[in-house]
Amino acid sequence: MRLVVATCQIDYAGRLSAHLPMATRVLMLKNDGSVLVHSDGGSYKPLNWMSPPCTLREGISEDGRPEWTVTSKTDDTLRILIDEIHHDSSHDLGIDPGLQKDGVEKHLQELLAEHPATISEGLTLVRREFPTAIGPVDLMCRDSSGLSVAVEIKRRGEIDGVEQLTRYLELLNRDPLLTTKGPVRGIFAAQLIKPQARVLAEDRGIQCKVVDYDALRGMDDAEHRLF
């Protein structure tokens, strides 16, 4: 991974256009080919990014300053005009073992992968742990109309989980292979969803689904209930 702290201007052009005026930022060039632009605020979400595969060309602008041009496979471009580099270093992080979920959450994901229609009628599984530049989506599915559906699974659904799914959706909706039928939609699934998380999710067009872990495990046998 290459980390560069630089005073720079960022211009993104593609399905939409975005401009970040000259300021000091962190540029992260990852070994998977992704490029991310971070500021010192805004928590962990990058200001802008380019997901892999993409190509980086380092050149010189018309006024003699370093200029990087990042181009994606869909010809979106991220232009980084550098006024001054304050730090530039490369680090070999090795192979990451990935996020280890706790036993219940991992098992819940496995059960929902086996029975995706319990999340939403007509839903079918495409892949578990669908890879993205910022981490794997728990379940990538397809609904009855052919739309791609990203499902984030938690034991306890809180605002952080909604923010995580929002970042995945922003990235996935840049992939034309996933949006041939329309935008990728999101489902936030958990055993319990906090009211604040539900309000935020619904405001962003994300469907919420409360799942019954015991029922999925076959422990909640309706024939032997008293009520």
Protein backbone atom coordinates (compact mmCIF):
# COMPACT_ATOMS: atom_id res chain seq x y z
CA MET A 1 0.00 0.00 0.00
CA ARG A 2 1.21 3.50 -0.85
CA LEU A 3 0.26 6.39 1.43
CA VAL A 4 0.70 9.95 0.23
CA VAL A 5 -0.10 13.07 2.24
CA ALA A 6 -0.41 15.93 -0.22
CA THR A 7 -1.98 19.31 -0.81
CA CYS A 8 -4.10 18.49 -3.82
CA GLN A 9 -7.19 19.17 -5.90
CA ILE A 10 -9.49 16.30 -6.90
CA ASP A 11 -11.82 16.16 -9.89
CA TYR A 12 -14.00 13.12 -10.58
CA ALA A 13 -15.79 12.63 -13.91
CA GLY A 14 -18.05 9.72 -14.77
CA ARG A 15 -21.71 8.99 -14.11
CA LEU A 16 -21.56 12.18 -12.06
CA SER A 17 -19.01 14.95 -11.54
CA ALA A 18 -17.41 15.99 -8.26
CA HIS A 19 -14.82 18.61 -7.34
CA LEU A 20 -12.67 18.91 -4.21
CA PRO A 21 -10.75 22.20 -4.02
CA MET A 22 -7.09 22.40 -3.05
CA ALA A 23 -6.50 21.08 0.49
CA THR A 24 -4.24 18.67 2.36
CA ARG A 25 -5.48 15.08 2.10
CA VAL A 26 -4.37 11.46 2.37
CA LEU A 27 -4.15 9.53 -0.89
CA MET A 28 -4.29 5.75 -0.43
CA LEU A 29 -3.17 3.54 -3.32
CA LYS A 30 -3.96 -0.06 -2.43
CA ASN A 31 -2.41 -3.19 -3.88
CA ASP A 32 -5.79 -4.31 -5.22
CA GLY A 33 -5.71 -1.33 -7.61
CA SER A 34 -8.11 0.93 -5.75
CA VAL A 35 -7.38 4.60 -5.05
CA LEU A 36 -9.01 6.39 -2.10
CA VAL A 37 -8.95 10.04 -1.06
CA HIS A 38 -9.34 10.81 2.67
CA SER A 39 -9.55 13.98 4.72
CA ASP A 40 -8.93 14.42 8.45
CA GLY A 41 -12.69 14.59 9.07
CA GLY A 42 -15.77 12.72 7.95
CA SER A 43 -14.95 9.57 9.94
CA TYR A 44 -13.72 6.57 7.91
CA LYS A 45 -15.57 7.30 4.67
CA PRO A 46 -13.34 8.45 1.77
CA LEU A 47 -14.15 11.75 0.09
CA ASN A 48 -13.79 10.04 -3.27
CA TRP A 49 -12.38 6.82 -4.61
CA MET A 50 -11.86 4.64 -7.66
CA SER A 51 -12.55 0.93 -7.31
CA PRO A 52 -10.42 -1.72 -9.02
CA PRO A 53 -9.49 -2.51 -11.65
CA CYS A 54 -8.16 0.90 -12.61
CA THR A 55 -4.97 2.40 -14.00
CA LEU A 56 -2.89 5.22 -12.54
CA ARG A 57 -0.82 7.50 -14.75
CA GLU A 58 1.53 9.99 -13.10
CA GLY A 59 2.25 13.02 -15.25
CA ILE A 60 2.82 16.77 -15.19
CA SER A 61 0.11 19.41 -15.59
CA GLU A 62 0.36 22.34 -17.98
CA ASP A 63 1.66 24.56 -15.16
CA GLY A 64 4.36 22.04 -14.19
CA ARG A 65 2.75 20.45 -11.13
CA PRO A 66 2.42 16.67 -10.58
CA GLU A 67 -0.87 15.35 -11.89
CA TRP A 68 -2.24 11.85 -11.43
CA THR A 69 -4.98 10.48 -13.64
CA VAL A 70 -6.83 7.38 -12.45
CA THR A 71 -9.03 5.67 -15.05
CA SER A 72 -11.53 2.88 -14.39
CA LYS A 73 -12.62 0.11 -16.74
CA THR A 74 -15.75 2.17 -17.45
CA ASP A 75 -13.61 5.21 -18.39
CA ASP A 76 -14.52 7.18 -15.27
CA THR A 77 -11.59 9.40 -14.31
CA LEU A 78 -10.20 10.73 -11.06
CA ARG A 79 -7.80 13.62 -11.68
CA ILE A 80 -5.49 14.52 -8.78
CA LEU A 81 -3.58 17.77 -9.16
CA ILE A 82 -0.80 17.94 -6.55
CA ASP A 83 0.52 21.23 -5.26
CA GLU A 84 2.87 19.77 -2.61
CA ILE A 85 3.71 16.29 -1.30
CA HIS A 86 4.30 16.19 2.47
CA HIS A 87 4.76 12.42 2.86
CA ASP A 88 5.11 9.47 0.49
CA SER A 89 5.68 5.91 1.72
CA SER A 90 4.94 2.33 0.68
CA HIS A 91 4.14 -0.57 3.00
CA ASP A 92 3.71 -4.31 2.46
CA LEU A 93 0.76 -5.33 4.64
CA GLY A 94 0.83 -8.99 3.63
CA ILE A 95 -2.25 -11.18 3.26
CA ASP A 96 -5.19 -10.13 5.40
CA PRO A 97 -7.18 -13.01 6.97
CA GLY A 98 -10.39 -10.99 6.67
CA LEU A 99 -13.03 -10.02 9.18
CA GLN A 100 -13.85 -12.78 11.62
CA LYS A 101 -17.51 -12.56 12.58
CA ASP A 102 -18.69 -13.87 15.93
CA GLY A 103 -20.32 -17.30 15.91
CA VAL A 104 -23.96 -16.19 15.91
CA GLU A 105 -23.54 -13.54 13.20
CA LYS A 106 -21.53 -15.91 11.01
CA HIS A 107 -24.12 -18.67 11.44
CA LEU A 108 -26.93 -16.21 10.75
CA GLN A 109 -25.25 -15.27 7.48
CA GLU A 110 -24.91 -18.94 6.53
CA LEU A 111 -28.57 -19.64 7.28
CA LEU A 112 -29.80 -16.63 5.32
CA ALA A 113 -27.56 -17.60 2.41
CA GLU A 114 -29.30 -20.99 2.39
CA HIS A 115 -32.77 -19.41 2.65
CA PRO A 116 -32.60 -15.94 1.02
CA ALA A 117 -36.36 -15.90 0.40
CA THR A 118 -36.86 -15.50 4.16
CA ILE A 119 -35.30 -12.04 3.78
CA SER A 120 -37.53 -11.02 0.89
CA GLU A 121 -39.88 -13.08 -1.28
CA GLY A 122 -38.31 -14.07 -4.60
CA LEU A 123 -34.75 -13.33 -3.48
CA THR A 124 -32.03 -15.72 -4.75
CA LEU A 125 -28.38 -15.88 -3.72
CA VAL A 126 -25.65 -14.84 -6.17
CA ARG A 127 -22.67 -14.99 -3.80
CA ARG A 128 -21.71 -14.80 -0.14
CA GLU A 129 -18.96 -12.34 0.88
CA PHE A 130 -19.20 -10.46 -2.42
CA PRO A 131 -15.86 -8.59 -2.74
CA THR A 132 -15.58 -4.81 -3.04
CA ALA A 133 -12.67 -2.39 -2.64
CA ILE A 134 -13.83 -1.48 0.88
CA GLY A 135 -14.75 -4.94 2.15
CA PRO A 136 -17.08 -7.84 1.37
CA VAL A 137 -20.85 -7.52 1.15
CA ASP A 138 -22.42 -10.25 3.29
CA LEU A 139 -24.83 -11.48 0.61
CA MET A 140 -25.20 -10.41 -2.99
CA CYS A 141 -28.60 -11.52 -4.26
CA ARG A 142 -31.02 -10.99 -7.11
CA ASP A 143 -34.73 -10.32 -6.76
CA SER A 144 -37.57 -11.65 -8.90
CA SER A 145 -37.28 -8.70 -11.30
CA GLY A 146 -33.55 -9.29 -11.85
CA LEU A 147 -32.31 -6.36 -9.74
CA SER A 148 -29.11 -6.85 -7.75
CA VAL A 149 -29.65 -6.71 -3.98
CA ALA A 150 -26.91 -6.20 -1.38
CA VAL A 151 -27.72 -7.62 2.07
CA GLU A 152 -25.85 -6.55 5.21
CA ILE A 153 -26.39 -8.86 8.21
CA LYS A 154 -25.94 -7.95 11.87
CA ARG A 155 -27.01 -9.45 15.17
CA ARG A 156 -27.89 -5.96 16.41
CA GLY A 157 -28.77 -3.41 13.74
CA GLU A 158 -27.39 0.03 14.56
CA ILE A 159 -26.52 3.20 12.65
CA ASP A 160 -22.96 2.01 11.92
CA GLY A 161 -24.37 -0.97 10.02
CA VAL A 162 -26.60 1.28 7.91
CA GLU A 163 -23.61 3.52 7.12
CA GLN A 164 -21.60 0.45 6.13
CA LEU A 165 -24.29 -0.76 3.73
CA THR A 166 -24.65 2.78 2.32
CA ARG A 167 -20.95 2.82 1.42
CA TYR A 168 -21.26 -0.58 -0.25
CA LEU A 169 -24.25 0.60 -2.30
CA GLU A 170 -22.46 3.76 -3.43
CA LEU A 171 -19.60 1.60 -4.70
CA LEU A 172 -21.71 -1.18 -6.20
CA ASN A 173 -23.85 1.29 -8.14
CA ARG A 174 -20.73 2.38 -10.03
CA ASP A 175 -20.46 -1.12 -11.54
CA PRO A 176 -22.39 -1.30 -14.83
CA LEU A 177 -22.45 -5.11 -14.64
CA LEU A 178 -24.58 -4.91 -11.49
CA THR A 179 -26.88 -2.13 -12.68
CA THR A 180 -28.07 -3.47 -16.04
CA LYS A 181 -31.62 -3.87 -14.67
CA GLY A 182 -31.49 -0.81 -12.43
CA PRO A 183 -29.73 0.46 -9.29
CA VAL A 184 -28.51 -2.03 -6.70
CA ARG A 185 -30.86 -1.91 -3.73
CA GLY A 186 -30.01 -2.68 -0.13
CA ILE A 187 -31.52 -4.77 2.66
CA PHE A 188 -30.40 -4.36 6.27
CA ALA A 189 -31.09 -7.62 8.12
CA ALA A 190 -30.64 -8.13 11.86
CA GLN A 191 -32.15 -9.89 14.86
CA LEU A 192 -32.90 -6.48 16.33
CA ILE A 193 -32.90 -3.11 14.54
CA LYS A 194 -32.62 0.05 16.64
CA PRO A 195 -35.27 2.72 15.84
CA GLN A 196 -32.64 5.29 14.84
CA ALA A 197 -31.03 2.81 12.45
CA ARG A 198 -34.41 1.99 10.90
CA VAL A 199 -35.22 5.68 10.34
CA LEU A 200 -31.82 6.27 8.68
CA ALA A 201 -32.10 3.16 6.53
CA GLU A 202 -35.60 3.94 5.30
CA ASP A 203 -34.59 7.54 4.59
CA ARG A 204 -31.86 6.17 2.29
CA GLY A 205 -34.17 3.73 0.54
CA ILE A 206 -32.76 0.70 2.36
CA GLN A 207 -35.22 -2.02 3.35
CA CYS A 208 -35.06 -3.32 6.94
CA LYS A 209 -35.71 -6.95 7.82
CA VAL A 210 -35.84 -8.38 11.35
CA VAL A 211 -34.85 -12.07 11.23
CA ASP A 212 -35.66 -14.81 13.73
CA TYR A 213 -32.44 -16.71 14.39
CA ASP A 214 -34.13 -19.53 16.30
CA ALA A 215 -36.70 -20.06 13.55
CA LEU A 216 -33.93 -20.24 10.96
CA ARG A 217 -32.12 -22.83 13.04
CA GLY A 218 -35.27 -24.91 13.15
CA MET A 219 -35.51 -24.46 16.94
CA ASP A 220 -38.70 -22.44 16.78
CA ASP A 221 -41.07 -25.33 16.08
CA ALA A 222 -44.62 -23.97 15.60
CA GLU A 223 -46.21 -27.39 16.28
CA HIS A 224 -44.96 -27.41 19.87
CA ARG A 225 -45.75 -23.83 20.86
CA LEU A 226 -48.21 -23.12 23.68
CA PHE A 227 -49.23 -19.85 21.99
